[in-house]
Amino acid sequence: QVQLMESGGGLVQPGGSLRLSCATSGFTFHYYVMKWYRQAPGKEREFVAGVTKDGGVKRYAESVKGRFTISRDNVRKTASLQMNSLKLEDTAVYYCKAEVVGQNIEYWGQGTQVTVSS
């Protein structure tokens, strides 16, 4: 059974940091590109960051470049998102996604809430 479980969300003040983790099981982790998305209230889900299967290439949305860092551990089968200098507009539910590019195979986690508020 495929499982992706996000953790690490919470309430943080502007300028603070959080580290999200995505623990996975039930599929061959190193075959999959890992991505993070987020969805704020009343908005569509948007791409935040992605990392290739071997961790060698990372891509970020313009809004988080220089503040967020995506990583993966192919031994532990986890993906992480280090979020620094958080802003009010980073408030959203954050989801991790595993996908096989070009084969329409993807799995989603259930999401974790990140709230940035003073």
C-alpha atoms as a PDB file:
ATOM      1  CA  GLN A   1       0.000   0.000   0.000  1.00  0.00           C
ATOM      2  CA  VAL A   2       1.412   3.347  -1.057  1.00  0.00           C
ATOM      3  CA  GLN A   3       1.732   5.872   1.742  1.00  0.00           C
ATOM      4  CA  LEU A   4       3.106   9.394   1.895  1.00  0.00           C
ATOM      5  CA  MET A   5       2.912  11.038   5.283  1.00  0.00           C
ATOM      6  CA  GLU A   6       3.836  14.685   5.775  1.00  0.00           C
ATOM      7  CA  SER A   7       4.858  16.053   9.139  1.00  0.00           C
ATOM      8  CA  GLY A   8       6.478  19.122  10.625  1.00  0.00           C
ATOM      9  CA  GLY A   9       3.819  21.703   9.975  1.00  0.00           C
ATOM     10  CA  GLY A  10       2.662  24.141  12.595  1.00  0.00           C
ATOM     11  CA  LEU A  11       2.333  27.749  13.639  1.00  0.00           C
ATOM     12  CA  VAL A  12       5.345  30.008  13.211  1.00  0.00           C
ATOM     13  CA  GLN A  13       5.967  33.740  13.303  1.00  0.00           C
ATOM     14  CA  PRO A  14       7.051  35.672  10.221  1.00  0.00           C
ATOM     15  CA  GLY A  15      10.770  35.214   9.694  1.00  0.00           C
ATOM     16  CA  GLY A  16      10.760  31.845  11.381  1.00  0.00           C
ATOM     17  CA  SER A  17      11.606  28.398  10.060  1.00  0.00           C
ATOM     18  CA  LEU A  18       9.995  25.010   9.728  1.00  0.00           C
ATOM     19  CA  ARG A  19      11.163  21.725   8.311  1.00  0.00           C
ATOM     20  CA  LEU A  20       8.599  19.506   6.633  1.00  0.00           C
ATOM     21  CA  SER A  21       9.191  15.815   6.141  1.00  0.00           C
ATOM     22  CA  CYS A  22       7.491  13.298   3.878  1.00  0.00           C
ATOM     23  CA  ALA A  23       7.849   9.679   4.926  1.00  0.00           C
ATOM     24  CA  THR A  24       7.000   7.178   2.236  1.00  0.00           C
ATOM     25  CA  SER A  25       6.369   3.481   1.809  1.00  0.00           C
ATOM     26  CA  GLY A  26       4.830   1.051  -0.642  1.00  0.00           C
ATOM     27  CA  PHE A  27       6.694   2.087  -3.782  1.00  0.00           C
ATOM     28  CA  THR A  28      10.243   2.168  -5.108  1.00  0.00           C
ATOM     29  CA  PHE A  29      11.205   5.574  -3.829  1.00  0.00           C
ATOM     30  CA  HIS A  30      14.315   6.181  -5.921  1.00  0.00           C
ATOM     31  CA  TYR A  31      12.328   5.740  -9.147  1.00  0.00           C
ATOM     32  CA  TYR A  32      10.226   8.804  -8.353  1.00  0.00           C
ATOM     33  CA  VAL A  33      10.688  12.520  -8.636  1.00  0.00           C
ATOM     34  CA  MET A  34       9.605  14.150  -5.384  1.00  0.00           C
ATOM     35  CA  LYS A  35       7.782  17.451  -5.253  1.00  0.00           C
ATOM     36  CA  TRP A  36       6.163  19.735  -2.717  1.00  0.00           C
ATOM     37  CA  TYR A  37       2.986  21.660  -3.439  1.00  0.00           C
ATOM     38  CA  ARG A  38       0.869  23.956  -1.326  1.00  0.00           C
ATOM     39  CA  GLN A  39      -2.687  25.181  -1.291  1.00  0.00           C
ATOM     40  CA  ALA A  40      -3.774  28.325   0.476  1.00  0.00           C
ATOM     41  CA  PRO A  41      -7.424  28.956   1.369  1.00  0.00           C
ATOM     42  CA  GLY A  42      -9.413  29.931  -1.699  1.00  0.00           C
ATOM     43  CA  LYS A  43      -6.494  29.319  -4.035  1.00  0.00           C
ATOM     44  CA  GLU A  44      -5.424  26.555  -6.362  1.00  0.00           C
ATOM     45  CA  ARG A  45      -2.738  24.104  -5.408  1.00  0.00           C
ATOM     46  CA  GLU A  46       0.645  25.340  -6.593  1.00  0.00           C
ATOM     47  CA  PHE A  47       4.080  23.881  -7.135  1.00  0.00           C
ATOM     48  CA  VAL A  48       6.663  24.787  -4.498  1.00  0.00           C
ATOM     49  CA  ALA A  49       9.752  22.664  -5.111  1.00  0.00           C
ATOM     50  CA  GLY A  50      10.919  19.508  -6.819  1.00  0.00           C
ATOM     51  CA  VAL A  51      13.946  17.217  -6.774  1.00  0.00           C
ATOM     52  CA  THR A  52      15.045  14.610  -9.275  1.00  0.00           C
ATOM     53  CA  LYS A  53      15.363  10.914  -8.494  1.00  0.00           C
ATOM     54  CA  ASP A  54      19.029  11.115  -7.564  1.00  0.00           C
ATOM     55  CA  GLY A  55      18.724  14.453  -5.794  1.00  0.00           C
ATOM     56  CA  GLY A  56      21.010  16.115  -8.283  1.00  0.00           C
ATOM     57  CA  VAL A  57      18.642  18.714  -9.678  1.00  0.00           C
ATOM     58  CA  LYS A  58      16.291  20.892  -7.676  1.00  0.00           C
ATOM     59  CA  ARG A  59      13.726  23.363  -8.865  1.00  0.00           C
ATOM     60  CA  TYR A  60      11.771  26.009  -6.980  1.00  0.00           C
ATOM     61  CA  ALA A  61       8.868  28.334  -7.462  1.00  0.00           C
ATOM     62  CA  GLU A  62      10.035  31.921  -7.759  1.00  0.00           C
ATOM     63  CA  SER A  63       8.169  32.850  -4.601  1.00  0.00           C
ATOM     64  CA  VAL A  64      10.303  30.532  -2.433  1.00  0.00           C
ATOM     65  CA  LYS A  65      13.704  30.672  -4.139  1.00  0.00           C
ATOM     66  CA  GLY A  66      16.467  31.426  -1.683  1.00  0.00           C
ATOM     67  CA  ARG A  67      14.249  30.635   1.301  1.00  0.00           C
ATOM     68  CA  PHE A  68      13.201  27.010   0.857  1.00  0.00           C
ATOM     69  CA  THR A  69      15.397  23.973   0.275  1.00  0.00           C
ATOM     70  CA  ILE A  70      14.164  20.596  -0.896  1.00  0.00           C
ATOM     71  CA  SER A  71      16.082  17.410  -0.210  1.00  0.00           C
ATOM     72  CA  ARG A  72      15.613  13.670  -0.280  1.00  0.00           C
ATOM     73  CA  ASP A  73      17.110  10.605   1.341  1.00  0.00           C
ATOM     74  CA  ASN A  74      16.835   7.558  -0.887  1.00  0.00           C
ATOM     75  CA  VAL A  75      17.923   5.257   1.927  1.00  0.00           C
ATOM     76  CA  ARG A  76      15.309   6.462   4.394  1.00  0.00           C
ATOM     77  CA  LYS A  77      12.786   7.026   1.561  1.00  0.00           C
ATOM     78  CA  THR A  78      11.981  10.505   2.745  1.00  0.00           C
ATOM     79  CA  ALA A  79      11.731  13.953   1.243  1.00  0.00           C
ATOM     80  CA  SER A  80      12.098  17.177   3.165  1.00  0.00           C
ATOM     81  CA  LEU A  81      11.413  20.854   2.735  1.00  0.00           C
ATOM     82  CA  GLN A  82      13.407  23.289   4.837  1.00  0.00           C
ATOM     83  CA  MET A  83      11.541  26.579   4.983  1.00  0.00           C
ATOM     84  CA  ASN A  84      13.335  29.676   6.244  1.00  0.00           C
ATOM     85  CA  SER A  85      12.361  33.335   6.405  1.00  0.00           C
ATOM     86  CA  LEU A  86       8.722  32.388   6.345  1.00  0.00           C
ATOM     87  CA  LYS A  87       6.205  34.975   5.261  1.00  0.00           C
ATOM     88  CA  LEU A  88       2.508  35.411   5.917  1.00  0.00           C
ATOM     89  CA  GLU A  89       1.811  34.367   2.336  1.00  0.00           C
ATOM     90  CA  ASP A  90       3.479  30.997   2.917  1.00  0.00           C
ATOM     91  CA  THR A  91       0.460  29.971   4.970  1.00  0.00           C
ATOM     92  CA  ALA A  92      -1.052  26.909   3.298  1.00  0.00           C
ATOM     93  CA  VAL A  93      -1.504  23.185   3.468  1.00  0.00           C
ATOM     94  CA  TYR A  94       1.688  21.603   2.138  1.00  0.00           C
ATOM     95  CA  TYR A  95       1.596  18.343   0.228  1.00  0.00           C
ATOM     96  CA  CYS A  96       4.316  16.023  -0.960  1.00  0.00           C
ATOM     97  CA  LYS A  97       3.961  14.198  -4.218  1.00  0.00           C
ATOM     98  CA  ALA A  98       5.830  11.330  -5.806  1.00  0.00           C
ATOM     99  CA  GLU A  99       5.682  11.019  -9.554  1.00  0.00           C
ATOM    100  CA  VAL A 100       7.130   9.127 -12.463  1.00  0.00           C
ATOM    101  CA  VAL A 101       7.654  11.725 -15.125  1.00  0.00           C
ATOM    102  CA  GLY A 102       5.954  10.927 -18.429  1.00  0.00           C
ATOM    103  CA  GLN A 103       4.028   7.926 -17.151  1.00  0.00           C
ATOM    104  CA  ASN A 104       1.092   9.561 -15.408  1.00  0.00           C
ATOM    105  CA  ILE A 105       1.933   7.820 -12.152  1.00  0.00           C
ATOM    106  CA  GLU A 106       1.704   9.955  -9.054  1.00  0.00           C
ATOM    107  CA  TYR A 107       0.970   9.667  -5.368  1.00  0.00           C
ATOM    108  CA  TRP A 108       0.015  12.383  -2.904  1.00  0.00           C
ATOM    109  CA  GLY A 109       0.253  12.763   0.815  1.00  0.00           C
ATOM    110  CA  GLN A 110      -2.597  14.030   2.964  1.00  0.00           C
ATOM    111  CA  GLY A 111      -0.981  17.403   3.656  1.00  0.00           C
ATOM    112  CA  THR A 112       0.302  19.298   6.659  1.00  0.00           C
ATOM    113  CA  GLN A 113      -0.822  22.755   7.719  1.00  0.00           C
ATOM    114  CA  VAL A 114       1.696  25.587   7.871  1.00  0.00           C
ATOM    115  CA  THR A 115       0.468  28.818   9.409  1.00  0.00           C
ATOM    116  CA  VAL A 116       2.640  31.916   9.472  1.00  0.00           C
ATOM    117  CA  SER A 117       1.192  34.502  11.811  1.00  0.00           C
ATOM    118  CA  SER A 118       2.306  37.097  14.294  1.00  0.00           C
END
